[in-house]
Amino acid sequence: ASTAPYSKPSPGRVYANGQYLMFEREYY
């Protein structure tokens, strides 16, 4: 709830989980 994972991500309120990070190759 403190990271609001169902909301649009924004700086200071972002959810991220290193157990599952998928990058688009060109961006990465």
PDB file of all heavy atoms in Angstrom:
ATOM      1  N   ALA A   1       0.829  -1.208   0.000  1.00  0.00           N
ATOM      2  CA  ALA A   1       0.000   0.000   0.000  1.00  0.00           C
ATOM      3  C   ALA A   1       0.861   1.254   0.000  1.00  0.00           C
ATOM      4  O   ALA A   1       0.512   2.262  -0.631  1.00  0.00           O
ATOM      5  CB  ALA A   1      -0.930  -0.006   1.213  1.00  0.00           C
ATOM      6  N   SER A   2       1.994   1.221   0.677  1.00  0.00           N
ATOM      7  CA  SER A   2       2.851   2.405   0.749  1.00  0.00           C
ATOM      8  C   SER A   2       3.473   2.738  -0.603  1.00  0.00           C
ATOM      9  O   SER A   2       3.866   3.883  -0.847  1.00  0.00           O
ATOM     10  CB  SER A   2       3.953   2.191   1.789  1.00  0.00           C
ATOM     11  OG  SER A   2       4.877   1.200   1.359  1.00  0.00           O
ATOM     12  N   THR A   3       3.556   1.743  -1.494  1.00  0.00           N
ATOM     13  CA  THR A   3       4.131   1.992  -2.821  1.00  0.00           C
ATOM     14  C   THR A   3       3.078   2.086  -3.913  1.00  0.00           C
ATOM     15  O   THR A   3       3.420   2.360  -5.065  1.00  0.00           O
ATOM     16  CB  THR A   3       5.113   0.860  -3.195  1.00  0.00           C
ATOM     17  OG1 THR A   3       4.425  -0.398  -3.211  1.00  0.00           O
ATOM     18  CG2 THR A   3       6.260   0.779  -2.195  1.00  0.00           C
ATOM     19  N   ALA A   4       1.813   1.849  -3.570  1.00  0.00           N
ATOM     20  CA  ALA A   4       0.689   1.998  -4.502  1.00  0.00           C
ATOM     21  C   ALA A   4       0.929   1.266  -5.821  1.00  0.00           C
ATOM     22  O   ALA A   4       0.999   1.882  -6.886  1.00  0.00           O
ATOM     23  CB  ALA A   4       0.415   3.482  -4.768  1.00  0.00           C
ATOM     24  N   PRO A   5       1.030  -0.073  -5.796  1.00  0.00           N
ATOM     25  CA  PRO A   5       1.371  -0.806  -7.025  1.00  0.00           C
ATOM     26  C   PRO A   5       0.294  -0.768  -8.093  1.00  0.00           C
ATOM     27  O   PRO A   5       0.582  -1.035  -9.263  1.00  0.00           O
ATOM     28  CB  PRO A   5       1.586  -2.237  -6.514  1.00  0.00           C
ATOM     29  CG  PRO A   5       0.738  -2.332  -5.280  1.00  0.00           C
ATOM     30  CD  PRO A   5       0.829  -0.980  -4.651  1.00  0.00           C
ATOM     31  N   TYR A   6      -0.951  -0.448  -7.719  1.00  0.00           N
ATOM     32  CA  TYR A   6      -2.024  -0.391  -8.705  1.00  0.00           C
ATOM     33  C   TYR A   6      -2.162   0.992  -9.343  1.00  0.00           C
ATOM     34  O   TYR A   6      -2.943   1.176 -10.268  1.00  0.00           O
ATOM     35  CB  TYR A   6      -3.360  -0.789  -8.074  1.00  0.00           C
ATOM     36  CG  TYR A   6      -3.430  -2.234  -7.651  1.00  0.00           C
ATOM     37  CD1 TYR A   6      -3.447  -2.587  -6.310  1.00  0.00           C
ATOM     38  CD2 TYR A   6      -3.483  -3.253  -8.594  1.00  0.00           C
ATOM     39  CE1 TYR A   6      -3.511  -3.914  -5.913  1.00  0.00           C
ATOM     40  CE2 TYR A   6      -3.550  -4.581  -8.212  1.00  0.00           C
ATOM     41  CZ  TYR A   6      -3.561  -4.913  -6.868  1.00  0.00           C
ATOM     42  OH  TYR A   6      -3.619  -6.227  -6.484  1.00  0.00           O
ATOM     43  N   SER A   7      -1.424   1.962  -8.831  1.00  0.00           N
ATOM     44  CA  SER A   7      -1.481   3.313  -9.374  1.00  0.00           C
ATOM     45  C   SER A   7      -0.397   3.503 -10.429  1.00  0.00           C
ATOM     46  O   SER A   7       0.525   2.698 -10.552  1.00  0.00           O
ATOM     47  CB  SER A   7      -1.290   4.343  -8.253  1.00  0.00           C
ATOM     48  OG  SER A   7      -2.264   4.184  -7.247  1.00  0.00           O
ATOM     49  N   LYS A   8      -0.517   4.587 -11.177  1.00  0.00           N
ATOM     50  CA  LYS A   8       0.510   4.902 -12.160  1.00  0.00           C
ATOM     51  C   LYS A   8       1.805   5.244 -11.435  1.00  0.00           C
ATOM     52  O   LYS A   8       1.819   6.095 -10.538  1.00  0.00           O
ATOM     53  CB  LYS A   8       0.071   6.079 -13.028  1.00  0.00           C
ATOM     54  CG  LYS A   8       1.060   6.425 -14.130  1.00  0.00           C
ATOM     55  CD  LYS A   8       0.557   7.572 -14.986  1.00  0.00           C
ATOM     56  CE  LYS A   8       1.558   7.909 -16.090  1.00  0.00           C
ATOM     57  NZ  LYS A   8       1.084   9.004 -16.955  1.00  0.00           N
ATOM     58  N   PRO A   9       2.929   4.582 -11.765  1.00  0.00           N
ATOM     59  CA  PRO A   9       4.184   4.866 -11.054  1.00  0.00           C
ATOM     60  C   PRO A   9       4.593   6.322 -11.199  1.00  0.00           C
ATOM     61  O   PRO A   9       4.421   6.932 -12.256  1.00  0.00           O
ATOM     62  CB  PRO A   9       5.189   3.930 -11.747  1.00  0.00           C
ATOM     63  CG  PRO A   9       4.368   2.860 -12.366  1.00  0.00           C
ATOM     64  CD  PRO A   9       3.087   3.527 -12.775  1.00  0.00           C
ATOM     65  N   SER A  10       5.134   6.861 -10.117  1.00  0.00           N
ATOM     66  CA  SER A  10       5.632   8.224 -10.132  1.00  0.00           C
ATOM     67  C   SER A  10       6.817   8.315  -9.186  1.00  0.00           C
ATOM     68  O   SER A  10       6.904   7.526  -8.228  1.00  0.00           O
ATOM     69  CB  SER A  10       4.532   9.208  -9.705  1.00  0.00           C
ATOM     70  OG  SER A  10       4.092   8.917  -8.395  1.00  0.00           O
ATOM     71  N   PRO A  11       7.747   9.243  -9.405  1.00  0.00           N
ATOM     72  CA  PRO A  11       8.895   9.371  -8.500  1.00  0.00           C
ATOM     73  C   PRO A  11       8.447   9.586  -7.063  1.00  0.00           C
ATOM     74  O   PRO A  11       7.556  10.388  -6.794  1.00  0.00           O
ATOM     75  CB  PRO A  11       9.625  10.604  -9.054  1.00  0.00           C
ATOM     76  CG  PRO A  11       9.243  10.659 -10.502  1.00  0.00           C
ATOM     77  CD  PRO A  11       7.818  10.171 -10.543  1.00  0.00           C
ATOM     78  N   GLY A  12       9.045   8.839  -6.136  1.00  0.00           N
ATOM     79  CA  GLY A  12       8.660   8.924  -4.735  1.00  0.00           C
ATOM     80  C   GLY A  12       7.551   7.972  -4.356  1.00  0.00           C
ATOM     81  O   GLY A  12       7.282   7.786  -3.166  1.00  0.00           O
ATOM     82  N   ARG A  13       6.887   7.379  -5.332  1.00  0.00           N
ATOM     83  CA  ARG A  13       5.834   6.398  -5.054  1.00  0.00           C
ATOM     84  C   ARG A  13       5.860   5.368  -6.179  1.00  0.00           C
ATOM     85  O   ARG A  13       5.038   5.397  -7.084  1.00  0.00           O
ATOM     86  CB  ARG A  13       4.468   7.068  -4.961  1.00  0.00           C
ATOM     87  CG  ARG A  13       3.422   6.187  -4.291  1.00  0.00           C
ATOM     88  CD  ARG A  13       2.066   6.835  -4.320  1.00  0.00           C
ATOM     89  NE  ARG A  13       1.537   6.939  -5.688  1.00  0.00           N
ATOM     90  CZ  ARG A  13       0.391   7.556  -6.002  1.00  0.00           C
ATOM     91  NH1 ARG A  13      -0.298   8.151  -5.061  1.00  0.00           N
ATOM     92  NH2 ARG A  13      -0.032   7.584  -7.250  1.00  0.00           N
ATOM     93  N   VAL A  14       6.825   4.492  -6.096  1.00  0.00           N
ATOM     94  CA  VAL A  14       7.019   3.527  -7.171  1.00  0.00           C
ATOM     95  C   VAL A  14       7.242   2.150  -6.570  1.00  0.00           C
ATOM     96  O   VAL A  14       7.957   1.989  -5.579  1.00  0.00           O
ATOM     97  CB  VAL A  14       8.209   3.930  -8.079  1.00  0.00           C
ATOM     98  CG1 VAL A  14       9.493   4.039  -7.277  1.00  0.00           C
ATOM     99  CG2 VAL A  14       8.385   2.939  -9.228  1.00  0.00           C
ATOM    100  N   TYR A  15       6.590   1.169  -7.149  1.00  0.00           N
ATOM    101  CA  TYR A  15       6.818  -0.228  -6.763  1.00  0.00           C
ATOM    102  C   TYR A  15       7.731  -0.874  -7.793  1.00  0.00           C
ATOM    103  O   TYR A  15       7.549  -0.706  -9.008  1.00  0.00           O
ATOM    104  CB  TYR A  15       5.503  -1.000  -6.697  1.00  0.00           C
ATOM    105  CG  TYR A  15       5.715  -2.475  -6.426  1.00  0.00           C
ATOM    106  CD1 TYR A  15       5.857  -2.943  -5.130  1.00  0.00           C
ATOM    107  CD2 TYR A  15       5.816  -3.387  -7.477  1.00  0.00           C
ATOM    108  CE1 TYR A  15       6.084  -4.286  -4.870  1.00  0.00           C
ATOM    109  CE2 TYR A  15       6.042  -4.733  -7.223  1.00  0.00           C
ATOM    110  CZ  TYR A  15       6.171  -5.182  -5.921  1.00  0.00           C
ATOM    111  OH  TYR A  15       6.403  -6.506  -5.672  1.00  0.00           O
ATOM    112  N   ALA A  16       8.705  -1.622  -7.317  1.00  0.00           N
ATOM    113  CA  ALA A  16       9.575  -2.393  -8.204  1.00  0.00           C
ATOM    114  C   ALA A  16      10.062  -3.613  -7.444  1.00  0.00           C
ATOM    115  O   ALA A  16      10.327  -3.541  -6.248  1.00  0.00           O
ATOM    116  CB  ALA A  16      10.761  -1.561  -8.690  1.00  0.00           C
ATOM    117  N   ASN A  17      10.178  -4.730  -8.129  1.00  0.00           N
ATOM    118  CA  ASN A  17      10.592  -5.973  -7.489  1.00  0.00           C
ATOM    119  C   ASN A  17      11.718  -6.598  -8.296  1.00  0.00           C
ATOM    120  O   ASN A  17      11.520  -7.028  -9.438  1.00  0.00           O
ATOM    121  CB  ASN A  17       9.404  -6.938  -7.394  1.00  0.00           C
ATOM    122  CG  ASN A  17       9.702  -8.120  -6.494  1.00  0.00           C
ATOM    123  OD1 ASN A  17      10.859  -8.495  -6.307  1.00  0.00           O
ATOM    124  ND2 ASN A  17       8.674  -8.699  -5.925  1.00  0.00           N
ATOM    125  N   GLY A  18      12.905  -6.639  -7.694  1.00  0.00           N
ATOM    126  CA  GLY A  18      14.069  -7.196  -8.367  1.00  0.00           C
ATOM    127  C   GLY A  18      13.967  -8.677  -8.643  1.00  0.00           C
ATOM    128  O   GLY A  18      14.793  -9.226  -9.377  1.00  0.00           O
ATOM    129  N   GLN A  19      12.961  -9.336  -8.073  1.00  0.00           N
ATOM    130  CA  GLN A  19      12.758 -10.749  -8.356  1.00  0.00           C
ATOM    131  C   GLN A  19      12.122 -10.962  -9.725  1.00  0.00           C
ATOM    132  O   GLN A  19      12.075 -12.090 -10.213  1.00  0.00           O
ATOM    133  CB  GLN A  19      11.880 -11.375  -7.271  1.00  0.00           C
ATOM    134  CG  GLN A  19      12.561 -11.386  -5.918  1.00  0.00           C
ATOM    135  CD  GLN A  19      11.578 -11.538  -4.783  1.00  0.00           C
ATOM    136  OE1 GLN A  19      10.453 -11.039  -4.843  1.00  0.00           O
ATOM    137  NE2 GLN A  19      11.994 -12.211  -3.727  1.00  0.00           N
ATOM    138  N   TYR A  20      11.647  -9.867 -10.334  1.00  0.00           N
ATOM    139  CA  TYR A  20      11.045  -9.980 -11.663  1.00  0.00           C
ATOM    140  C   TYR A  20      11.133  -8.612 -12.342  1.00  0.00           C
ATOM    141  O   TYR A  20      10.249  -7.775 -12.198  1.00  0.00           O
ATOM    142  CB  TYR A  20       9.580 -10.415 -11.560  1.00  0.00           C
ATOM    143  CG  TYR A  20       9.029 -11.061 -12.826  1.00  0.00           C
ATOM    144  CD1 TYR A  20       8.849 -12.434 -12.889  1.00  0.00           C
ATOM    145  CD2 TYR A  20       8.699 -10.291 -13.942  1.00  0.00           C
ATOM    146  CE1 TYR A  20       8.340 -13.040 -14.033  1.00  0.00           C
ATOM    147  CE2 TYR A  20       8.193 -10.875 -15.086  1.00  0.00           C
ATOM    148  CZ  TYR A  20       8.012 -12.253 -15.125  1.00  0.00           C
ATOM    149  OH  TYR A  20       7.517 -12.847 -16.269  1.00  0.00           O
ATOM    150  N   LEU A  21      12.220  -8.372 -13.054  1.00  0.00           N
ATOM    151  CA  LEU A  21      12.423  -7.137 -13.813  1.00  0.00           C
ATOM    152  C   LEU A  21      12.654  -7.500 -15.276  1.00  0.00           C
ATOM    153  O   LEU A  21      13.642  -8.176 -15.595  1.00  0.00           O
ATOM    154  CB  LEU A  21      13.617  -6.352 -13.284  1.00  0.00           C
ATOM    155  CG  LEU A  21      13.473  -5.589 -11.962  1.00  0.00           C
ATOM    156  CD1 LEU A  21      14.789  -4.913 -11.610  1.00  0.00           C
ATOM    157  CD2 LEU A  21      12.354  -4.565 -12.029  1.00  0.00           C
ATOM    158  N   MET A  22      11.751  -7.050 -16.140  1.00  0.00           N
ATOM    159  CA  MET A  22      11.887  -7.321 -17.570  1.00  0.00           C
ATOM    160  C   MET A  22      12.186  -6.018 -18.311  1.00  0.00           C
ATOM    161  O   MET A  22      11.372  -5.096 -18.325  1.00  0.00           O
ATOM    162  CB  MET A  22      10.615  -7.966 -18.135  1.00  0.00           C
ATOM    163  CG  MET A  22      10.678  -8.203 -19.638  1.00  0.00           C
ATOM    164  SD  MET A  22       9.170  -8.951 -20.311  1.00  0.00           S
ATOM    165  CE  MET A  22       9.404 -10.653 -19.780  1.00  0.00           C
ATOM    166  N   PHE A  23      13.367  -5.945 -18.917  1.00  0.00           N
ATOM    167  CA  PHE A  23      13.797  -4.786 -19.687  1.00  0.00           C
ATOM    168  C   PHE A  23      13.642  -5.058 -21.176  1.00  0.00           C
ATOM    169  O   PHE A  23      13.920  -6.172 -21.644  1.00  0.00           O
ATOM    170  CB  PHE A  23      15.273  -4.465 -19.438  1.00  0.00           C
ATOM    171  CG  PHE A  23      15.602  -3.967 -18.061  1.00  0.00           C
ATOM    172  CD1 PHE A  23      15.845  -4.855 -17.018  1.00  0.00           C
ATOM    173  CD2 PHE A  23      15.706  -2.613 -17.807  1.00  0.00           C
ATOM    174  CE1 PHE A  23      16.178  -4.399 -15.757  1.00  0.00           C
ATOM    175  CE2 PHE A  23      16.042  -2.142 -16.550  1.00  0.00           C
ATOM    176  CZ  PHE A  23      16.277  -3.037 -15.519  1.00  0.00           C
ATOM    177  N   GLU A  24      13.251  -4.038 -21.922  1.00  0.00           N
ATOM    178  CA  GLU A  24      13.384  -4.087 -23.374  1.00  0.00           C
ATOM    179  C   GLU A  24      14.856  -3.915 -23.694  1.00  0.00           C
ATOM    180  O   GLU A  24      15.519  -3.024 -23.159  1.00  0.00           O
ATOM    181  CB  GLU A  24      12.544  -2.980 -24.010  1.00  0.00           C
ATOM    182  CG  GLU A  24      12.292  -3.160 -25.490  1.00  0.00           C
ATOM    183  CD  GLU A  24      13.439  -2.642 -26.325  1.00  0.00           C
ATOM    184  OE1 GLU A  24      14.073  -1.642 -25.921  1.00  0.00           O
ATOM    185  OE2 GLU A  24      13.721  -3.236 -27.386  1.00  0.00           O
ATOM    186  N   ARG A  25      15.406  -4.765 -24.524  1.00  0.00           N
ATOM    187  CA  ARG A  25      16.845  -4.839 -24.727  1.00  0.00           C
ATOM    188  C   ARG A  25      17.467  -3.504 -25.155  1.00  0.00           C
ATOM    189  O   ARG A  25      18.491  -3.076 -24.611  1.00  0.00           O
ATOM    190  CB  ARG A  25      17.159  -5.919 -25.769  1.00  0.00           C
ATOM    191  CG  ARG A  25      18.638  -6.036 -26.109  1.00  0.00           C
ATOM    192  CD  ARG A  25      18.871  -7.034 -27.244  1.00  0.00           C
ATOM    193  NE  ARG A  25      20.266  -7.111 -27.574  1.00  0.00           N
ATOM    194  CZ  ARG A  25      21.137  -7.886 -26.944  1.00  0.00           C
ATOM    195  NH1 ARG A  25      20.737  -8.655 -25.943  1.00  0.00           N
ATOM    196  NH2 ARG A  25      22.409  -7.901 -27.295  1.00  0.00           N
ATOM    197  N   GLU A  26      16.850  -2.841 -26.134  1.00  0.00           N
ATOM    198  CA  GLU A  26      17.425  -1.599 -26.638  1.00  0.00           C
ATOM    199  C   GLU A  26      17.493  -0.542 -25.538  1.00  0.00           C
ATOM    200  O   GLU A  26      18.489   0.177 -25.401  1.00  0.00           O
ATOM    201  CB  GLU A  26      16.606  -1.084 -27.821  1.00  0.00           C
ATOM    202  CG  GLU A  26      17.178   0.178 -28.449  1.00  0.00           C
ATOM    203  CD  GLU A  26      16.373   0.631 -29.655  1.00  0.00           C
ATOM    204  OE1 GLU A  26      15.502  -0.137 -30.119  1.00  0.00           O
ATOM    205  OE2 GLU A  26      16.610   1.764 -30.131  1.00  0.00           O
ATOM    206  N   TYR A  27      16.424  -0.462 -24.738  1.00  0.00           N
ATOM    207  CA  TYR A  27      16.448   0.481 -23.624  1.00  0.00           C
ATOM    208  C   TYR A  27      17.519   0.090 -22.614  1.00  0.00           C
ATOM    209  O   TYR A  27      18.280   0.940 -22.131  1.00  0.00           O
ATOM    210  CB  TYR A  27      15.080   0.522 -22.938  1.00  0.00           C
ATOM    211  CG  TYR A  27      15.142   1.198 -21.582  1.00  0.00           C
ATOM    212  CD1 TYR A  27      15.261   2.574 -21.483  1.00  0.00           C
ATOM    213  CD2 TYR A  27      15.126   0.443 -20.406  1.00  0.00           C
ATOM    214  CE1 TYR A  27      15.352   3.197 -20.246  1.00  0.00           C
ATOM    215  CE2 TYR A  27      15.206   1.057 -19.169  1.00  0.00           C
ATOM    216  CZ  TYR A  27      15.319   2.432 -19.092  1.00  0.00           C
ATOM    217  OH  TYR A  27      15.422   3.047 -17.873  1.00  0.00           O
ATOM    218  N   TYR A  28      17.582  -1.183 -22.280  1.00  0.00           N
ATOM    219  CA  TYR A  28      18.550  -1.639 -21.276  1.00  0.00           C
ATOM    220  C   TYR A  28      19.973  -1.283 -21.683  1.00  0.00           C
ATOM    221  O   TYR A  28      20.742  -0.732 -20.892  1.00  0.00           O
ATOM    222  CB  TYR A  28      18.421  -3.145 -21.073  1.00  0.00           C
ATOM    223  CG  TYR A  28      19.407  -3.706 -20.066  1.00  0.00           C
ATOM    224  CD1 TYR A  28      19.102  -3.722 -18.702  1.00  0.00           C
ATOM    225  CD2 TYR A  28      20.640  -4.205 -20.468  1.00  0.00           C
ATOM    226  CE1 TYR A  28      19.998  -4.233 -17.784  1.00  0.00           C
ATOM    227  CE2 TYR A  28      21.549  -4.701 -19.551  1.00  0.00           C
ATOM    228  CZ  TYR A  28      21.223  -4.710 -18.204  1.00  0.00           C
ATOM    229  OH  TYR A  28      22.126  -5.194 -17.288  1.00  0.00           O
TER     230      TYR A  28
END
